[in-house]
Structure formats: structure tokens, C-alpha cells
C-alpha atoms as a PDB file:
ATOM      1  CA  MET A   1     158.955  89.132  87.074  1.00  0.00           C
ATOM      2  CA  SER A   2     159.918  92.903  87.748  1.00  0.00           C
ATOM      3  CA  GLY A   3     159.278  95.786  87.565  1.00  0.00           C
ATOM      4  CA  ARG A   4     156.718  97.948  85.998  1.00  0.00           C
ATOM      5  CA  ASN A   5     155.355  94.659  84.026  1.00  0.00           C
ATOM      6  CA  GLY A   6     155.358  92.731  88.205  1.00  0.00           C
ATOM      7  CA  ARG A   7     153.421  95.361  89.295  1.00  0.00           C
ATOM      8  CA  ILE A   8     151.355  95.885  86.680  1.00  0.00           C
ATOM      9  CA  ALA A   9     150.730  91.460  87.691  1.00  0.00           C
ATOM     10  CA  LEU A  10     150.106  92.623  91.100  1.00  0.00           C
ATOM     11  CA  ALA A  11     147.680  95.402  90.412  1.00  0.00           C
ATOM     12  CA  ALA A  12     145.679  93.064  88.357  1.00  0.00           C
ATOM     13  CA  ALA A  13     145.788  90.508  90.758  1.00  0.00           C
ATOM     14  CA  LEU A  14     144.653  92.931  92.643  1.00  0.00           C
ATOM     15  CA  PHE A  15     141.960  94.548  91.247  1.00  0.00           C
ATOM     16  CA  SER A  16     140.050  90.913  90.733  1.00  0.00           C
ATOM     17  CA  VAL A  17     140.193  90.029  94.449  1.00  0.00           C
ATOM     18  CA  LEU A  18     138.995  93.710  95.474  1.00  0.00           C
ATOM     19  CA  THR A  19     136.206  93.244  92.164  1.00  0.00           C
ATOM     20  CA  PHE A  20     134.587  89.411  93.254  1.00  0.00           C
ATOM     21  CA  SER A  21     135.175  90.229  97.380  1.00  0.00           C
ATOM     22  CA  ASP A  22     132.634  93.646  95.996  1.00  0.00           C
ATOM     23  CA  LEU A  23     130.549  91.510  93.788  1.00  0.00           C
ATOM     24  CA  ALA A  24     130.414  89.083  96.566  1.00  0.00           C
ATOM     25  CA  GLN A  25     129.521  91.392  98.845  1.00  0.00           C
ATOM     26  CA  ALA A  26     126.621  92.886  96.389  1.00  0.00           C
ATOM     27  CA  ALA A  27     125.219  89.199  95.486  1.00  0.00           C
ATOM     28  CA  GLU A  28     124.642  89.348  98.812  1.00  0.00           C
ATOM     29  CA  ARG A  29     123.127  92.239  99.173  1.00  0.00           C
ATOM     30  CA  ALA A  30     121.195  91.581  95.562  1.00  0.00           C
ATOM     31  CA  THR A  31     117.278  91.354  97.008  1.00  0.00           C
ATOM     32  CA  PRO A  32     114.924  93.634  96.492  1.00  0.00           C
ATOM     33  CA  SER A  33     113.950  94.545  99.665  1.00  0.00           C
ATOM     34  CA  GLY A  34     117.694  94.612 100.345  1.00  0.00           C
ATOM     35  CA  LEU A  35     117.031  92.450 103.080  1.00  0.00           C
ATOM     36  CA  PRO A  36     119.307  88.387 102.972  1.00  0.00           C
ATOM     37  CA  VAL A  37     117.869  85.972 101.512  1.00  0.00           C
ATOM     38  CA  PRO A  38     117.410  83.351 103.977  1.00  0.00           C
ATOM     39  CA  ARG A  39     115.269  85.131 106.463  1.00  0.00           C
ATOM     40  CA  TRP A  40     112.499  84.303 108.368  1.00  0.00           C
ATOM     41  CA  VAL A  41     109.536  86.445 108.860  1.00  0.00           C
ATOM     42  CA  THR A  42     105.463  85.436 109.660  1.00  0.00           C
ATOM     43  CA  LEU A  43     101.849  85.504 107.904  1.00  0.00           C
ATOM     44  CA  LYS A  44     100.474  89.118 109.092  1.00  0.00           C
ATOM     45  CA  PHE A  45      96.945  87.386 108.234  1.00  0.00           C
ATOM     46  CA  ASP A  46      94.965  84.300 109.098  1.00  0.00           C
ATOM     47  CA  ARG A  47      94.940  83.871 104.804  1.00  0.00           C
ATOM     48  CA  VAL A  48      97.517  83.917 102.497  1.00  0.00           C
ATOM     49  CA  ASN A  49      97.365  82.782  99.603  1.00  0.00           C
ATOM     50  CA  ALA A  50     100.112  80.250  97.684  1.00  0.00           C
ATOM     51  CA  ARG A  51     100.662  80.870  94.244  1.00  0.00           C
ATOM     52  CA  SER A  52     102.903  78.324  91.943  1.00  0.00           C
ATOM     53  CA  GLY A  53     104.600  82.173  90.797  1.00  0.00           C
ATOM     54  CA  PRO A  54     105.660  85.411  91.784  1.00  0.00           C
ATOM     55  CA  GLY A  55     102.188  87.024  91.321  1.00  0.00           C
ATOM     56  CA  ASP A  56      98.211  87.194  91.126  1.00  0.00           C
ATOM     57  CA  ASP A  57      98.321  85.896  87.270  1.00  0.00           C
ATOM     58  CA  HIS A  58     100.066  82.232  88.661  1.00  0.00           C
ATOM     59  CA  GLN A  59      98.053  78.727  90.589  1.00  0.00           C
ATOM     60  CA  LEU A  60      96.953  79.168  93.509  1.00  0.00           C
ATOM     61  CA  LEU A  61      97.818  76.226  94.721  1.00  0.00           C
ATOM     62  CA  TRP A  62      96.663  76.291  98.401  1.00  0.00           C
ATOM     63  CA  VAL A  63      95.689  78.903 101.297  1.00  0.00           C
ATOM     64  CA  TYR A  64      97.353  78.992 104.624  1.00  0.00           C
ATOM     65  CA  ARG A  65      94.838  79.441 107.119  1.00  0.00           C
ATOM     66  CA  THR A  66      97.227  80.468 110.017  1.00  0.00           C
ATOM     67  CA  ARG A  67      98.226  83.673 111.247  1.00  0.00           C
ATOM     68  CA  SER A  68     101.630  84.815 112.491  1.00  0.00           C
ATOM     69  CA  LEU A  69     102.957  81.551 111.022  1.00  0.00           C
ATOM     70  CA  PRO A  70     106.565  81.264 110.913  1.00  0.00           C
ATOM     71  CA  VAL A  71     108.091  81.040 107.170  1.00  0.00           C
ATOM     72  CA  GLN A  72     111.481  80.682 105.205  1.00  0.00           C
ATOM     73  CA  VAL A  73     111.751  83.200 103.117  1.00  0.00           C
ATOM     74  CA  VAL A  74     114.478  81.901  99.764  1.00  0.00           C
ATOM     75  CA  ALA A  75     113.627  83.848  97.214  1.00  0.00           C
ATOM     76  CA  GLU A  76     111.966  86.901  96.315  1.00  0.00           C
ATOM     77  CA  THR A  77     110.780  89.764  93.194  1.00  0.00           C
ATOM     78  CA  SER A  78     110.056  93.155  94.488  1.00  0.00           C
ATOM     79  CA  GLU A  79     106.361  92.577  95.159  1.00  0.00           C
ATOM     80  CA  TRP A  80     106.548  88.298  95.566  1.00  0.00           C
ATOM     81  CA  ARG A  81     108.947  86.696  98.577  1.00  0.00           C
ATOM     82  CA  ARG A  82     109.482  82.922  97.392  1.00  0.00           C
ATOM     83  CA  VAL A  83     108.178  80.575 101.157  1.00  0.00           C
ATOM     84  CA  CYS A  84     109.419  77.944 102.986  1.00  0.00           C
ATOM     85  CA  ASP A  85     106.421  76.462 105.016  1.00  0.00           C
ATOM     86  CA  PRO A  86     106.317  74.622 108.526  1.00  0.00           C
ATOM     87  CA  ASP A  87     105.645  70.655 106.065  1.00  0.00           C
ATOM     88  CA  GLY A  88     107.860  71.633 103.560  1.00  0.00           C
ATOM     89  CA  GLY A  89     105.293  73.941 100.902  1.00  0.00           C
ATOM     90  CA  LEU A  90     106.951  76.057  98.824  1.00  0.00           C
ATOM     91  CA  ALA A  91     105.449  78.803  97.815  1.00  0.00           C
ATOM     92  CA  TRP A  92     104.845  82.269  96.680  1.00  0.00           C
ATOM     93  CA  VAL A  93     103.182  85.087  98.721  1.00  0.00           C
ATOM     94  CA  HIS A  94     102.467  88.668  98.755  1.00  0.00           C
ATOM     95  CA  LYS A  95     105.532  90.772 100.614  1.00  0.00           C
ATOM     96  CA  ARG A  96     101.905  92.335 102.023  1.00  0.00           C
ATOM     97  CA  THR A  97     100.602  88.803 103.377  1.00  0.00           C
ATOM     98  CA  THR A  98     104.100  89.300 105.710  1.00  0.00           C
ATOM     99  CA  ASP A  99     105.637  91.204 108.563  1.00  0.00           C
ATOM    100  CA  GLY A 100     109.049  91.023 109.924  1.00  0.00           C
ATOM    101  CA  ARG A 101     107.859  89.537 113.335  1.00  0.00           C
ATOM    102  CA  ARG A 102     109.702  86.325 114.089  1.00  0.00           C
ATOM    103  CA  SER A 103     107.367  83.907 115.572  1.00  0.00           C
ATOM    104  CA  LEU A 104     108.622  79.816 116.095  1.00  0.00           C
ATOM    105  CA  MET A 105     106.850  76.142 115.996  1.00  0.00           C
ATOM    106  CA  ASN A 106     106.396  73.708 117.902  1.00  0.00           C
ATOM    107  CA  VAL A 107     106.463  70.782 114.937  1.00  0.00           C
ATOM    108  CA  ARG A 108     106.434  68.158 116.646  1.00  0.00           C
ATOM    109  CA  PRO A 109     103.013  66.426 118.608  1.00  0.00           C
ATOM    110  CA  GLN A 110     103.895  66.962 121.819  1.00  0.00           C
ATOM    111  CA  PRO A 111     104.539  69.608 123.531  1.00  0.00           C
ATOM    112  CA  VAL A 112     108.019  70.994 124.404  1.00  0.00           C
ATOM    113  CA  ALA A 113     109.760  72.374 127.742  1.00  0.00           C
ATOM    114  CA  LEU A 114     109.815  76.229 128.211  1.00  0.00           C
ATOM    115  CA  ARG A 115     112.564  75.817 130.867  1.00  0.00           C
ATOM    116  CA  ARG A 116     112.821  78.896 133.269  1.00  0.00           C
ATOM    117  CA  LYS A 117     116.864  79.440 132.502  1.00  0.00           C
ATOM    118  CA  PRO A 118     119.121  78.187 129.120  1.00  0.00           C
ATOM    119  CA  LYS A 119     120.105  74.859 130.868  1.00  0.00           C
ATOM    120  CA  PRO A 120     118.823  71.751 130.450  1.00  0.00           C
ATOM    121  CA  GLU A 121     119.202  70.742 133.951  1.00  0.00           C
ATOM    122  CA  ALA A 122     116.456  74.409 134.784  1.00  0.00           C
ATOM    123  CA  LYS A 123     112.784  73.556 135.729  1.00  0.00           C
ATOM    124  CA  VAL A 124     110.169  73.384 133.620  1.00  0.00           C
ATOM    125  CA  GLY A 125     107.568  76.654 134.205  1.00  0.00           C
ATOM    126  CA  ALA A 126     105.515  75.487 131.206  1.00  0.00           C
ATOM    127  CA  TRP A 127     105.446  73.329 128.604  1.00  0.00           C
ATOM    128  CA  LEU A 128     104.593  74.433 124.045  1.00  0.00           C
ATOM    129  CA  SER A 129     102.146  72.626 123.141  1.00  0.00           C
ATOM    130  CA  GLY A 130     102.996  70.552 119.767  1.00  0.00           C
ATOM    131  CA  ARG A 131     102.073  72.380 116.279  1.00  0.00           C
ATOM    132  CA  ALA A 132     101.643  75.485 118.691  1.00  0.00           C
ATOM    133  CA  LEU A 133     103.273  78.502 118.164  1.00  0.00           C
ATOM    134  CA  ALA A 134     104.571  80.947 120.033  1.00  0.00           C
ATOM    135  CA  SER A 135     106.711  84.914 119.534  1.00  0.00           C
ATOM    136  CA  LEU A 136     110.412  84.525 119.667  1.00  0.00           C
ATOM    137  CA  VAL A 137     111.672  87.143 122.224  1.00  0.00           C
ATOM    138  CA  ARG A 138     115.657  85.812 121.563  1.00  0.00           C
ATOM    139  CA  CYS A 139     118.054  83.689 120.707  1.00  0.00           C
ATOM    140  CA  ASP A 140     121.240  83.125 122.193  1.00  0.00           C
ATOM    141  CA  LYS A 141     123.338  79.827 122.122  1.00  0.00           C
ATOM    142  CA  GLY A 142     121.354  77.543 121.552  1.00  0.00           C
ATOM    143  CA  TRP A 143     118.726  78.276 122.995  1.00  0.00           C
ATOM    144  CA  CYS A 144     115.105  80.989 122.657  1.00  0.00           C
ATOM    145  CA  ARG A 145     113.395  82.638 125.055  1.00  0.00           C
ATOM    146  CA  VAL A 146     109.384  82.376 123.654  1.00  0.00           C
ATOM    147  CA  LYS A 147     106.587  83.935 125.311  1.00  0.00           C
ATOM    148  CA  VAL A 148     102.456  81.969 124.170  1.00  0.00           C
ATOM    149  CA  GLU A 149      99.869  83.120 126.004  1.00  0.00           C
ATOM    150  CA  GLY A 150     100.711  84.622 128.992  1.00  0.00           C
ATOM    151  CA  ALA A 151     103.950  82.133 129.918  1.00  0.00           C
ATOM    152  CA  SER A 152     107.195  81.771 128.987  1.00  0.00           C
ATOM    153  CA  GLY A 153     110.890  80.485 129.041  1.00  0.00           C
ATOM    154  CA  TRP A 154     113.610  79.011 126.642  1.00  0.00           C
ATOM    155  CA  VAL A 155     114.328  76.238 124.697  1.00  0.00           C
ATOM    156  CA  ARG A 156     116.623  74.815 122.862  1.00  0.00           C
ATOM    157  CA  GLU A 157     116.385  76.628 119.636  1.00  0.00           C
ATOM    158  CA  ALA A 158     116.687  73.505 117.724  1.00  0.00           C
ATOM    159  CA  GLU A 159     113.638  71.954 118.651  1.00  0.00           C
ATOM    160  CA  LEU A 160     111.733  74.875 117.353  1.00  0.00           C
ATOM    161  CA  TRP A 161     110.777  75.731 113.718  1.00  0.00           C
ATOM    162  CA  GLY A 162     111.731  79.689 113.180  1.00  0.00           C
ATOM    163  CA  THR A 163     115.728  79.391 113.691  1.00  0.00           C
ATOM    164  CA  ALA A 164     117.925  77.808 111.120  1.00  0.00           C
ATOM    165  CA  PRO A 165     119.682  80.354 109.532  1.00  0.00           C
ATOM    166  CA  GLN A 166     120.182  78.018 106.223  1.00  0.00           C
ATOM    167  CA  ALA A 167     117.374  77.456 104.086  1.00  0.00           C
ATOM    168  CA  GLN A 168     114.918  74.957 105.156  1.00  0.00           C
ATOM    169  CA  CYS A 169     113.400  73.594 101.185  1.00  0.00           C
ATOM    170  CA  ARG A 170     115.951  72.338  99.597  1.00  0.00           C
ATOM    171  CA  SER A 171     113.517  70.658  96.804  1.00  0.00           C
ATOM    172  CA  LYS A 172     112.302  72.292  93.427  1.00  0.00           C
ATOM    173  CA  ARG A 173     109.137  71.174  94.635  1.00  0.00           C
ATOM    174  CA  LEU A 174     106.443  74.027  94.510  1.00  0.00           C
ATOM    175  CA  SER A 175     103.040  71.853  96.174  1.00  0.00           C
ATOM    176  CA  ARG A 176     102.692  69.741  99.209  1.00  0.00           C
END
């Protein structure tokens, strides 16, 4: 096509590309909080009700009893967050029960080494017990610096729960 019809077709094609691109970017930001989903948070209290849906009128599934437990937000409403926990459970918790501070968990039963440098051959400075929590300082190139009870060190990112960027709970299951 040439002339006017060609320019109209080109303009329409560019408009559709820009529109779909803009829509995709808007969809990524289109959460009630404006924050990405999935994302990592921690539980703010040592008693947090886990419900089957987003509201106090939904069935209580269980009660989380671990303050600073890392959970992954996989969906949200303006007041509620659907979270995935280290055991693979999916439930809704109120947003006021979550905190943006990051923690990590060694979900294995055996301890993991906290190394003095982010290298596999680095000396071990301490150990993170099995099923223990640690505060996240930062992650870099597959290693995370963590702190726990006065000790700190580096752990391979893959050895901890609370670092993966992709959604961790894929099932539609609502209870454990």
C-alpha cells in the first residue's frame, strides 16, 4: 500500500502496538497497592489469621504463629493479601498483618552454612539451623547476606525460602 491508505495502516499498527504495550505495563502496576505481584513480605505478628477468602466473613483456615515468617503475596485486594507460605499453603491475610521488611527461611531440616564471603569455598562463620528465620540484608549474584541473632553471613540464594522472583505456590489449593 502506498499513499494515504498506507499511512493509515501504519498509524493503526503503531497505535495497536503502543496500546497493547501500555496495557501490559498498566496490568503489571494494576494492583490495589501499586506494588508488584508476586512480592515478598513478612508476617508482622505472632498470631495471624489465614482465611479462605478476602474478608473476615470467610472461613478461618489456620492461624500463623510465627512473627517475621516470609510469605509471598500472589494476589491482593485493597485490604487483603493472598499469600503463599513456606509449606505451600495459600490463604488470605489482612494487609495490616504484613510488613514490607524481608526475612528468609531455611526450609530444610538440616543447617545451612553462613559463609564469610559470597563464595562456595569461603570459611563458614556460623550456621542457620533447619526451619530457622533470618533477616535479609541483600542479595547479589545468587548469594544473599543474612543476619540472625548477632551472626551474619552469605548463603546461596537457592538454599533459602523468600528470594525467588516467580510465584512459589502454583496450585489452586486453599488449605494445607
